[in-house]
Amino acid sequence: MPADPPAKSSRQSSDLVSISIVSHRHGALVNELLGDVARRCRNVEVLLTVNVEEKLPFDESSFDIPLRILHNESAKGFGANHNAAFRRAQGRYFCVLNPDMRLNADPFPVLIEALADPRVGVAAPRVANPAGETEDSARRYPTLWVIVRKAFTRAQHHDYEVTNVPLRPEWVAGMFMLFRSEVFRQLGGFDERYFLYYEDVDLCLRLRGLGYDALLEPRAVALHDARRASHRDLRHFVWHARSLARFLMIRSRIQ
């Protein structure tokens, strides 16, 4: 079962957003992202986890935002890192944010507005590539047939058409997810049995089981410089395959 993050203290702000970022030798990217956050976002704190030792080009005083840098003694998985950050977060809202994201405007007011709907468990922005084209960050749950078809045809398509109307997909990608902290706590955070990949799919499936929807809000936009490690690195490919197998097995049990 996923780790159950403990209850927050009474110091939790009514509108503070706690942003969790994990760096795996992504210091230069994180530096750019933190600059965006400091310039464009209000009432946020950042918890940066250094997953493997690296020399960062900044320190906790480099930006005009509350920043805490957490150092791991040994590398942890995606879910374990964000769950650990959540246990230190003080905000009413908890944001999971990849280091290769960039912000041209503050996405949080619109996403917080979306989370005012009690049926919404997680909200995400429209994610665009550097050319401004919408990425496939809102998807349907994977099936074995779809995975096999993609492997043999290399076909790429979007499961949903993203327009100017909020969309309720089956799941949203973990590159940028915003939760009410009470919902993330209720869920027990990410399932740490997934070391890397499919934690976001699993989490959205469990959210749906609790009666919550995922929502993509196209008025909020974030830019993504994709790092497709699983396409280049055998270790990442193996993690990807193992996580997919776990998800398909779990989903088959609850259908």
C-alpha atoms as a PDB file:
ATOM      1  CA  MET A   1       0.000   0.000   0.000  1.00  0.00           C
ATOM      2  CA  PRO A   2       1.175   3.591  -0.532  1.00  0.00           C
ATOM      3  CA  ALA A   3       2.740   5.412   2.383  1.00  0.00           C
ATOM      4  CA  ASP A   4       0.244   7.475   4.371  1.00  0.00           C
ATOM      5  CA  PRO A   5       1.552  11.035   4.811  1.00  0.00           C
ATOM      6  CA  PRO A   6       0.848  12.368   8.294  1.00  0.00           C
ATOM      7  CA  ALA A   7      -1.605  15.140   9.080  1.00  0.00           C
ATOM      8  CA  LYS A   8      -0.483  18.718   8.570  1.00  0.00           C
ATOM      9  CA  SER A   9       0.093  21.182  11.366  1.00  0.00           C
ATOM     10  CA  SER A  10      -2.263  24.013  12.232  1.00  0.00           C
ATOM     11  CA  ARG A  11       0.201  26.401  10.544  1.00  0.00           C
ATOM     12  CA  GLN A  12      -1.065  25.327   7.149  1.00  0.00           C
ATOM     13  CA  SER A  13      -1.918  28.426   5.114  1.00  0.00           C
ATOM     14  CA  SER A  14      -5.412  28.798   3.723  1.00  0.00           C
ATOM     15  CA  ASP A  15      -4.086  29.487   0.210  1.00  0.00           C
ATOM     16  CA  LEU A  16      -0.377  28.586   0.215  1.00  0.00           C
ATOM     17  CA  VAL A  17       0.791  26.297  -2.601  1.00  0.00           C
ATOM     18  CA  SER A  18       3.580  23.870  -1.670  1.00  0.00           C
ATOM     19  CA  ILE A  19       5.539  22.955  -4.803  1.00  0.00           C
ATOM     20  CA  SER A  20       7.529  19.709  -4.811  1.00  0.00           C
ATOM     21  CA  ILE A  21      10.361  19.395  -7.347  1.00  0.00           C
ATOM     22  CA  VAL A  22      12.840  16.517  -7.581  1.00  0.00           C
ATOM     23  CA  SER A  23      16.254  17.011  -9.160  1.00  0.00           C
ATOM     24  CA  HIS A  24      18.251  14.096 -10.534  1.00  0.00           C
ATOM     25  CA  ARG A  25      21.210  16.177 -11.673  1.00  0.00           C
ATOM     26  CA  HIS A  26      18.767  18.684 -13.173  1.00  0.00           C
ATOM     27  CA  GLY A  27      20.267  21.673 -11.376  1.00  0.00           C
ATOM     28  CA  ALA A  28      20.408  23.938 -14.431  1.00  0.00           C
ATOM     29  CA  LEU A  29      16.775  23.206 -15.337  1.00  0.00           C
ATOM     30  CA  VAL A  30      15.634  23.698 -11.748  1.00  0.00           C
ATOM     31  CA  ASN A  31      17.447  27.034 -11.636  1.00  0.00           C
ATOM     32  CA  GLU A  32      15.420  28.260 -14.623  1.00  0.00           C
ATOM     33  CA  LEU A  33      12.153  26.904 -13.223  1.00  0.00           C
ATOM     34  CA  LEU A  34      12.700  28.471  -9.813  1.00  0.00           C
ATOM     35  CA  GLY A  35      13.360  31.780 -11.547  1.00  0.00           C
ATOM     36  CA  ASP A  36       9.975  31.477 -13.260  1.00  0.00           C
ATOM     37  CA  VAL A  37       8.242  30.616  -9.982  1.00  0.00           C
ATOM     38  CA  ALA A  38       9.874  33.492  -8.116  1.00  0.00           C
ATOM     39  CA  ARG A  39       9.009  36.035 -10.822  1.00  0.00           C
ATOM     40  CA  ARG A  40       5.465  34.931 -11.620  1.00  0.00           C
ATOM     41  CA  CYS A  41       3.886  33.035  -8.716  1.00  0.00           C
ATOM     42  CA  ARG A  42       2.533  34.356  -5.436  1.00  0.00           C
ATOM     43  CA  ASN A  43       2.060  32.674  -2.065  1.00  0.00           C
ATOM     44  CA  VAL A  44       4.118  29.576  -2.804  1.00  0.00           C
ATOM     45  CA  GLU A  45       6.806  27.569  -1.074  1.00  0.00           C
ATOM     46  CA  VAL A  46       9.161  25.166  -2.847  1.00  0.00           C
ATOM     47  CA  LEU A  47      10.512  21.891  -1.528  1.00  0.00           C
ATOM     48  CA  LEU A  48      13.382  20.783  -3.751  1.00  0.00           C
ATOM     49  CA  THR A  49      14.613  17.223  -3.294  1.00  0.00           C
ATOM     50  CA  VAL A  50      18.149  16.497  -4.500  1.00  0.00           C
ATOM     51  CA  ASN A  51      17.758  12.817  -5.314  1.00  0.00           C
ATOM     52  CA  VAL A  52      21.410  12.164  -6.158  1.00  0.00           C
ATOM     53  CA  GLU A  53      24.250  14.372  -5.009  1.00  0.00           C
ATOM     54  CA  GLU A  54      24.979  17.325  -7.287  1.00  0.00           C
ATOM     55  CA  LYS A  55      26.349  20.820  -6.988  1.00  0.00           C
ATOM     56  CA  LEU A  56      23.445  23.201  -7.454  1.00  0.00           C
ATOM     57  CA  PRO A  57      24.011  26.591  -9.125  1.00  0.00           C
ATOM     58  CA  PHE A  58      21.953  28.283  -6.370  1.00  0.00           C
ATOM     59  CA  ASP A  59      21.157  28.014  -2.673  1.00  0.00           C
ATOM     60  CA  GLU A  60      18.105  28.515  -0.453  1.00  0.00           C
ATOM     61  CA  SER A  61      18.579  32.305  -0.445  1.00  0.00           C
ATOM     62  CA  SER A  62      18.941  32.738  -4.216  1.00  0.00           C
ATOM     63  CA  PHE A  63      15.247  33.371  -4.924  1.00  0.00           C
ATOM     64  CA  ASP A  64      12.627  35.594  -3.365  1.00  0.00           C
ATOM     65  CA  ILE A  65      10.458  32.641  -2.359  1.00  0.00           C
ATOM     66  CA  PRO A  66      10.559  30.205   0.576  1.00  0.00           C
ATOM     67  CA  LEU A  67      12.824  27.374  -0.620  1.00  0.00           C
ATOM     68  CA  ARG A  68      13.886  24.277   1.278  1.00  0.00           C
ATOM     69  CA  ILE A  69      16.476  21.964  -0.243  1.00  0.00           C
ATOM     70  CA  LEU A  70      16.240  18.342   0.890  1.00  0.00           C
ATOM     71  CA  HIS A  71      19.137  15.936   0.257  1.00  0.00           C
ATOM     72  CA  ASN A  72      18.669  12.170  -0.045  1.00  0.00           C
ATOM     73  CA  GLU A  73      21.332   9.826   1.293  1.00  0.00           C
ATOM     74  CA  SER A  74      20.358   7.389  -1.478  1.00  0.00           C
ATOM     75  CA  ALA A  75      18.179   7.734  -4.564  1.00  0.00           C
ATOM     76  CA  LYS A  76      14.436   7.258  -4.123  1.00  0.00           C
ATOM     77  CA  GLY A  77      11.652   6.781  -6.634  1.00  0.00           C
ATOM     78  CA  PHE A  78       9.329   9.461  -7.982  1.00  0.00           C
ATOM     79  CA  GLY A  79       6.487   8.721  -5.585  1.00  0.00           C
ATOM     80  CA  ALA A  80       8.665   8.294  -2.496  1.00  0.00           C
ATOM     81  CA  ASN A  81      10.334  11.667  -3.095  1.00  0.00           C
ATOM     82  CA  HIS A  82       7.083  13.576  -3.510  1.00  0.00           C
ATOM     83  CA  ASN A  83       5.465  11.794  -0.564  1.00  0.00           C
ATOM     84  CA  ALA A  84       8.424  12.773   1.614  1.00  0.00           C
ATOM     85  CA  ALA A  85       8.172  16.391   0.458  1.00  0.00           C
ATOM     86  CA  PHE A  86       4.451  16.391   1.217  1.00  0.00           C
ATOM     87  CA  ARG A  87       5.149  15.456   4.823  1.00  0.00           C
ATOM     88  CA  ARG A  88       7.128  18.720   5.147  1.00  0.00           C
ATOM     89  CA  ALA A  89       4.712  20.887   3.159  1.00  0.00           C
ATOM     90  CA  GLN A  90       2.654  23.573   4.870  1.00  0.00           C
ATOM     91  CA  GLY A  91       0.299  24.575   2.064  1.00  0.00           C
ATOM     92  CA  ARG A  92      -3.384  23.959   1.604  1.00  0.00           C
ATOM     93  CA  TYR A  93      -2.445  22.921  -1.929  1.00  0.00           C
ATOM     94  CA  PHE A  94       0.279  20.524  -3.012  1.00  0.00           C
ATOM     95  CA  CYS A  95       1.859  20.692  -6.455  1.00  0.00           C
ATOM     96  CA  VAL A  96       3.983  18.010  -8.101  1.00  0.00           C
ATOM     97  CA  LEU A  97       6.161  19.724 -10.705  1.00  0.00           C
ATOM     98  CA  ASN A  98       8.861  18.291 -12.976  1.00  0.00           C
ATOM     99  CA  PRO A  99      12.154  20.194 -13.276  1.00  0.00           C
ATOM    100  CA  ASP A 100      11.847  20.472 -17.070  1.00  0.00           C
ATOM    101  CA  MET A 101       8.729  22.641 -16.863  1.00  0.00           C
ATOM    102  CA  ARG A 102       8.714  26.395 -17.511  1.00  0.00           C
ATOM    103  CA  LEU A 103       6.117  29.015 -16.568  1.00  0.00           C
ATOM    104  CA  ASN A 104       5.340  32.118 -18.601  1.00  0.00           C
ATOM    105  CA  ALA A 105       2.501  33.096 -16.238  1.00  0.00           C
ATOM    106  CA  ASP A 106       1.157  32.076 -12.836  1.00  0.00           C
ATOM    107  CA  PRO A 107      -0.985  28.944 -13.388  1.00  0.00           C
ATOM    108  CA  PHE A 108      -2.108  28.527  -9.788  1.00  0.00           C
ATOM    109  CA  PRO A 109      -5.073  30.934  -9.428  1.00  0.00           C
ATOM    110  CA  VAL A 110      -6.959  29.214 -12.251  1.00  0.00           C
ATOM    111  CA  LEU A 111      -6.070  25.719 -11.019  1.00  0.00           C
ATOM    112  CA  ILE A 112      -7.103  26.583  -7.453  1.00  0.00           C
ATOM    113  CA  GLU A 113     -10.402  27.836  -8.844  1.00  0.00           C
ATOM    114  CA  ALA A 114     -10.856  24.454 -10.545  1.00  0.00           C
ATOM    115  CA  LEU A 115     -10.172  22.653  -7.265  1.00  0.00           C
ATOM    116  CA  ALA A 116     -13.000  24.602  -5.609  1.00  0.00           C
ATOM    117  CA  ASP A 117     -15.243  21.979  -7.205  1.00  0.00           C
ATOM    118  CA  PRO A 118     -15.323  19.211  -4.557  1.00  0.00           C
ATOM    119  CA  ARG A 119     -15.621  16.590  -7.301  1.00  0.00           C
ATOM    120  CA  VAL A 120     -12.147  17.498  -8.667  1.00  0.00           C
ATOM    121  CA  GLY A 121      -9.298  15.637  -6.986  1.00  0.00           C
ATOM    122  CA  VAL A 122      -6.410  16.853  -9.126  1.00  0.00           C
ATOM    123  CA  ALA A 123      -6.094  19.772 -11.553  1.00  0.00           C
ATOM    124  CA  ALA A 124      -3.507  20.223 -14.275  1.00  0.00           C
ATOM    125  CA  PRO A 125      -2.719  22.910 -16.850  1.00  0.00           C
ATOM    126  CA  ARG A 126      -2.540  22.534 -20.591  1.00  0.00           C
ATOM    127  CA  VAL A 127       1.026  21.441 -21.283  1.00  0.00           C
ATOM    128  CA  ALA A 128       2.690  22.789 -24.418  1.00  0.00           C
ATOM    129  CA  ASN A 129       6.035  22.054 -26.041  1.00  0.00           C
ATOM    130  CA  PRO A 130       8.517  24.882 -26.762  1.00  0.00           C
ATOM    131  CA  ALA A 131       6.780  25.466 -30.119  1.00  0.00           C
ATOM    132  CA  GLY A 132       3.484  26.051 -28.317  1.00  0.00           C
ATOM    133  CA  GLU A 133       1.866  22.799 -29.476  1.00  0.00           C
ATOM    134  CA  THR A 134      -0.304  20.970 -26.960  1.00  0.00           C
ATOM    135  CA  GLU A 135       1.239  17.790 -25.561  1.00  0.00           C
ATOM    136  CA  ASP A 136      -0.682  14.622 -24.700  1.00  0.00           C
ATOM    137  CA  SER A 137      -0.684  15.179 -20.939  1.00  0.00           C
ATOM    138  CA  ALA A 138      -4.345  14.105 -20.606  1.00  0.00           C
ATOM    139  CA  ARG A 139      -4.894  10.460 -21.459  1.00  0.00           C
ATOM    140  CA  ARG A 140      -7.035   7.365 -21.133  1.00  0.00           C
ATOM    141  CA  TYR A 141      -5.887   4.470 -18.992  1.00  0.00           C
ATOM    142  CA  PRO A 142      -3.442   2.296 -20.931  1.00  0.00           C
ATOM    143  CA  THR A 143      -4.467  -1.148 -22.124  1.00  0.00           C
ATOM    144  CA  LEU A 144      -2.229  -3.944 -23.304  1.00  0.00           C
ATOM    145  CA  TRP A 145      -3.651  -3.656 -26.832  1.00  0.00           C
ATOM    146  CA  VAL A 146      -2.898   0.049 -27.033  1.00  0.00           C
ATOM    147  CA  ILE A 147       0.665  -0.450 -25.755  1.00  0.00           C
ATOM    148  CA  VAL A 148       1.338  -3.223 -28.286  1.00  0.00           C
ATOM    149  CA  ARG A 149      -0.088  -1.145 -31.118  1.00  0.00           C
ATOM    150  CA  LYS A 150       2.106   1.825 -30.204  1.00  0.00           C
ATOM    151  CA  ALA A 151       5.191  -0.405 -29.967  1.00  0.00           C
ATOM    152  CA  PHE A 152       4.714  -1.818 -33.452  1.00  0.00           C
ATOM    153  CA  THR A 153       3.373   1.232 -35.278  1.00  0.00           C
ATOM    154  CA  ARG A 154       5.123   4.019 -33.375  1.00  0.00           C
ATOM    155  CA  ALA A 155       1.836   5.848 -33.812  1.00  0.00           C
ATOM    156  CA  GLN A 156       1.448   8.976 -31.719  1.00  0.00           C
ATOM    157  CA  HIS A 157      -1.947  10.534 -31.139  1.00  0.00           C
ATOM    158  CA  HIS A 158      -3.774  12.454 -28.442  1.00  0.00           C
ATOM    159  CA  ASP A 159      -6.443  10.566 -26.524  1.00  0.00           C
ATOM    160  CA  TYR A 160      -8.378  13.806 -25.996  1.00  0.00           C
ATOM    161  CA  GLU A 161      -8.755  17.014 -27.960  1.00  0.00           C
ATOM    162  CA  VAL A 162      -7.788  19.925 -25.740  1.00  0.00           C
ATOM    163  CA  THR A 163      -9.926  22.982 -26.513  1.00  0.00           C
ATOM    164  CA  ASN A 164     -10.706  26.080 -24.439  1.00  0.00           C
ATOM    165  CA  VAL A 165     -13.157  24.106 -22.286  1.00  0.00           C
ATOM    166  CA  PRO A 166     -12.048  22.266 -19.112  1.00  0.00           C
ATOM    167  CA  LEU A 167     -11.554  18.559 -19.753  1.00  0.00           C
ATOM    168  CA  ARG A 168     -12.061  15.618 -17.386  1.00  0.00           C
ATOM    169  CA  PRO A 169      -9.716  12.914 -18.680  1.00  0.00           C
ATOM    170  CA  GLU A 170      -9.077   9.558 -17.057  1.00  0.00           C
ATOM    171  CA  TRP A 171      -5.637  10.725 -15.939  1.00  0.00           C
ATOM    172  CA  VAL A 172      -3.259  13.654 -16.159  1.00  0.00           C
ATOM    173  CA  ALA A 173       0.511  13.364 -16.405  1.00  0.00           C
ATOM    174  CA  GLY A 174       2.659  13.719 -13.292  1.00  0.00           C
ATOM    175  CA  MET A 175       4.773  16.463 -14.818  1.00  0.00           C
ATOM    176  CA  PHE A 176       2.355  19.007 -13.277  1.00  0.00           C
ATOM    177  CA  MET A 177      -0.391  18.036 -10.827  1.00  0.00           C
ATOM    178  CA  LEU A 178      -2.101  20.237  -8.244  1.00  0.00           C
ATOM    179  CA  PHE A 179      -4.061  18.758  -5.327  1.00  0.00           C
ATOM    180  CA  ARG A 180      -5.891  20.011  -2.306  1.00  0.00           C
ATOM    181  CA  SER A 181      -3.568  18.724   0.392  1.00  0.00           C
ATOM    182  CA  GLU A 182      -6.464  17.063   2.207  1.00  0.00           C
ATOM    183  CA  VAL A 183      -7.189  14.964  -0.900  1.00  0.00           C
ATOM    184  CA  PHE A 184      -3.556  13.943  -1.383  1.00  0.00           C
ATOM    185  CA  ARG A 185      -3.492  12.933   2.276  1.00  0.00           C
ATOM    186  CA  GLN A 186      -6.775  11.046   1.987  1.00  0.00           C
ATOM    187  CA  LEU A 187      -5.351   9.148  -0.957  1.00  0.00           C
ATOM    188  CA  GLY A 188      -2.167   8.219   0.905  1.00  0.00           C
ATOM    189  CA  GLY A 189       0.006   9.931  -1.695  1.00  0.00           C
ATOM    190  CA  PHE A 190       1.702   8.070  -4.517  1.00  0.00           C
ATOM    191  CA  ASP A 191       2.071   4.295  -4.415  1.00  0.00           C
ATOM    192  CA  GLU A 192       5.787   3.889  -3.764  1.00  0.00           C
ATOM    193  CA  ARG A 193       5.870   0.400  -5.266  1.00  0.00           C
ATOM    194  CA  TYR A 194       6.194   2.216  -8.607  1.00  0.00           C
ATOM    195  CA  PHE A 195       9.814   3.342  -8.615  1.00  0.00           C
ATOM    196  CA  LEU A 196       9.332   5.388 -11.762  1.00  0.00           C
ATOM    197  CA  TYR A 197       6.498   5.694 -14.314  1.00  0.00           C
ATOM    198  CA  TYR A 198       2.753   5.069 -13.958  1.00  0.00           C
ATOM    199  CA  GLU A 199       2.542   6.519 -10.441  1.00  0.00           C
ATOM    200  CA  ASP A 200       0.397   9.297 -11.914  1.00  0.00           C
ATOM    201  CA  VAL A 201      -1.882   6.845 -13.750  1.00  0.00           C
ATOM    202  CA  ASP A 202      -2.298   4.729 -10.628  1.00  0.00           C
ATOM    203  CA  LEU A 203      -3.010   7.775  -8.485  1.00  0.00           C
ATOM    204  CA  CYS A 204      -5.714   9.066 -10.827  1.00  0.00           C
ATOM    205  CA  LEU A 205      -7.311   5.609 -10.927  1.00  0.00           C
ATOM    206  CA  ARG A 206      -7.421   5.556  -7.128  1.00  0.00           C
ATOM    207  CA  LEU A 207      -8.811   9.103  -7.090  1.00  0.00           C
ATOM    208  CA  ARG A 208     -11.646   7.948  -9.327  1.00  0.00           C
ATOM    209  CA  GLY A 209     -12.290   5.085  -6.939  1.00  0.00           C
ATOM    210  CA  LEU A 210     -12.854   7.672  -4.201  1.00  0.00           C
ATOM    211  CA  GLY A 211     -15.288   9.615  -6.372  1.00  0.00           C
ATOM    212  CA  TYR A 212     -12.924  12.350  -7.620  1.00  0.00           C
ATOM    213  CA  ASP A 213     -12.215  13.475 -11.184  1.00  0.00           C
ATOM    214  CA  ALA A 214      -8.993  14.607 -12.804  1.00  0.00           C
ATOM    215  CA  LEU A 215      -9.359  17.944 -14.599  1.00  0.00           C
ATOM    216  CA  LEU A 216      -7.285  19.693 -17.246  1.00  0.00           C
ATOM    217  CA  GLU A 217      -7.823  23.462 -17.179  1.00  0.00           C
ATOM    218  CA  PRO A 218      -6.733  24.930 -20.548  1.00  0.00           C
ATOM    219  CA  ARG A 219      -6.672  28.515 -19.246  1.00  0.00           C
ATOM    220  CA  ALA A 220      -3.567  27.550 -17.259  1.00  0.00           C
ATOM    221  CA  VAL A 221      -0.549  26.735 -19.423  1.00  0.00           C
ATOM    222  CA  ALA A 222       2.884  25.308 -18.653  1.00  0.00           C
ATOM    223  CA  LEU A 223       5.735  24.642 -21.070  1.00  0.00           C
ATOM    224  CA  HIS A 224       7.523  21.287 -21.195  1.00  0.00           C
ATOM    225  CA  ASP A 225      10.986  20.495 -22.513  1.00  0.00           C
ATOM    226  CA  ALA A 226      10.416  16.727 -22.744  1.00  0.00           C
ATOM    227  CA  ARG A 227      13.175  14.385 -21.585  1.00  0.00           C
ATOM    228  CA  ARG A 228      12.187  10.968 -22.940  1.00  0.00           C
ATOM    229  CA  ALA A 229      14.701   8.951 -20.943  1.00  0.00           C
ATOM    230  CA  SER A 230      12.852   5.657 -21.407  1.00  0.00           C
ATOM    231  CA  HIS A 231      13.462   5.946 -25.152  1.00  0.00           C
ATOM    232  CA  ARG A 232      17.240   6.136 -24.709  1.00  0.00           C
ATOM    233  CA  ASP A 233      18.237   4.374 -21.520  1.00  0.00           C
ATOM    234  CA  LEU A 234      17.797   0.622 -20.917  1.00  0.00           C
ATOM    235  CA  ARG A 235      17.382   1.116 -17.161  1.00  0.00           C
ATOM    236  CA  HIS A 236      14.525   3.575 -17.696  1.00  0.00           C
ATOM    237  CA  PHE A 237      12.959   1.245 -20.239  1.00  0.00           C
ATOM    238  CA  VAL A 238      12.982  -1.590 -17.685  1.00  0.00           C
ATOM    239  CA  TRP A 239      11.422   0.656 -15.016  1.00  0.00           C
ATOM    240  CA  HIS A 240       8.783   1.709 -17.544  1.00  0.00           C
ATOM    241  CA  ALA A 241       7.954  -1.898 -18.459  1.00  0.00           C
ATOM    242  CA  ARG A 242       7.766  -3.050 -14.831  1.00  0.00           C
ATOM    243  CA  SER A 243       5.507  -0.153 -13.841  1.00  0.00           C
ATOM    244  CA  LEU A 244       3.214  -0.793 -16.784  1.00  0.00           C
ATOM    245  CA  ALA A 245       2.929  -4.470 -15.861  1.00  0.00           C
ATOM    246  CA  ARG A 246       2.084  -3.563 -12.252  1.00  0.00           C
ATOM    247  CA  PHE A 247      -0.579  -1.081 -13.309  1.00  0.00           C
ATOM    248  CA  LEU A 248      -2.221  -3.480 -15.766  1.00  0.00           C
ATOM    249  CA  MET A 249      -2.282  -6.198 -13.109  1.00  0.00           C
ATOM    250  CA  ILE A 250      -3.816  -3.926 -10.488  1.00  0.00           C
ATOM    251  CA  ARG A 251      -6.393  -2.548 -12.892  1.00  0.00           C
ATOM    252  CA  SER A 252      -7.428  -6.062 -13.956  1.00  0.00           C
ATOM    253  CA  ARG A 253      -8.156  -6.902 -10.310  1.00  0.00           C
ATOM    254  CA  ILE A 254     -10.535  -3.974  -9.788  1.00  0.00           C
ATOM    255  CA  GLN A 255     -12.473  -4.248 -13.038  1.00  0.00           C
END
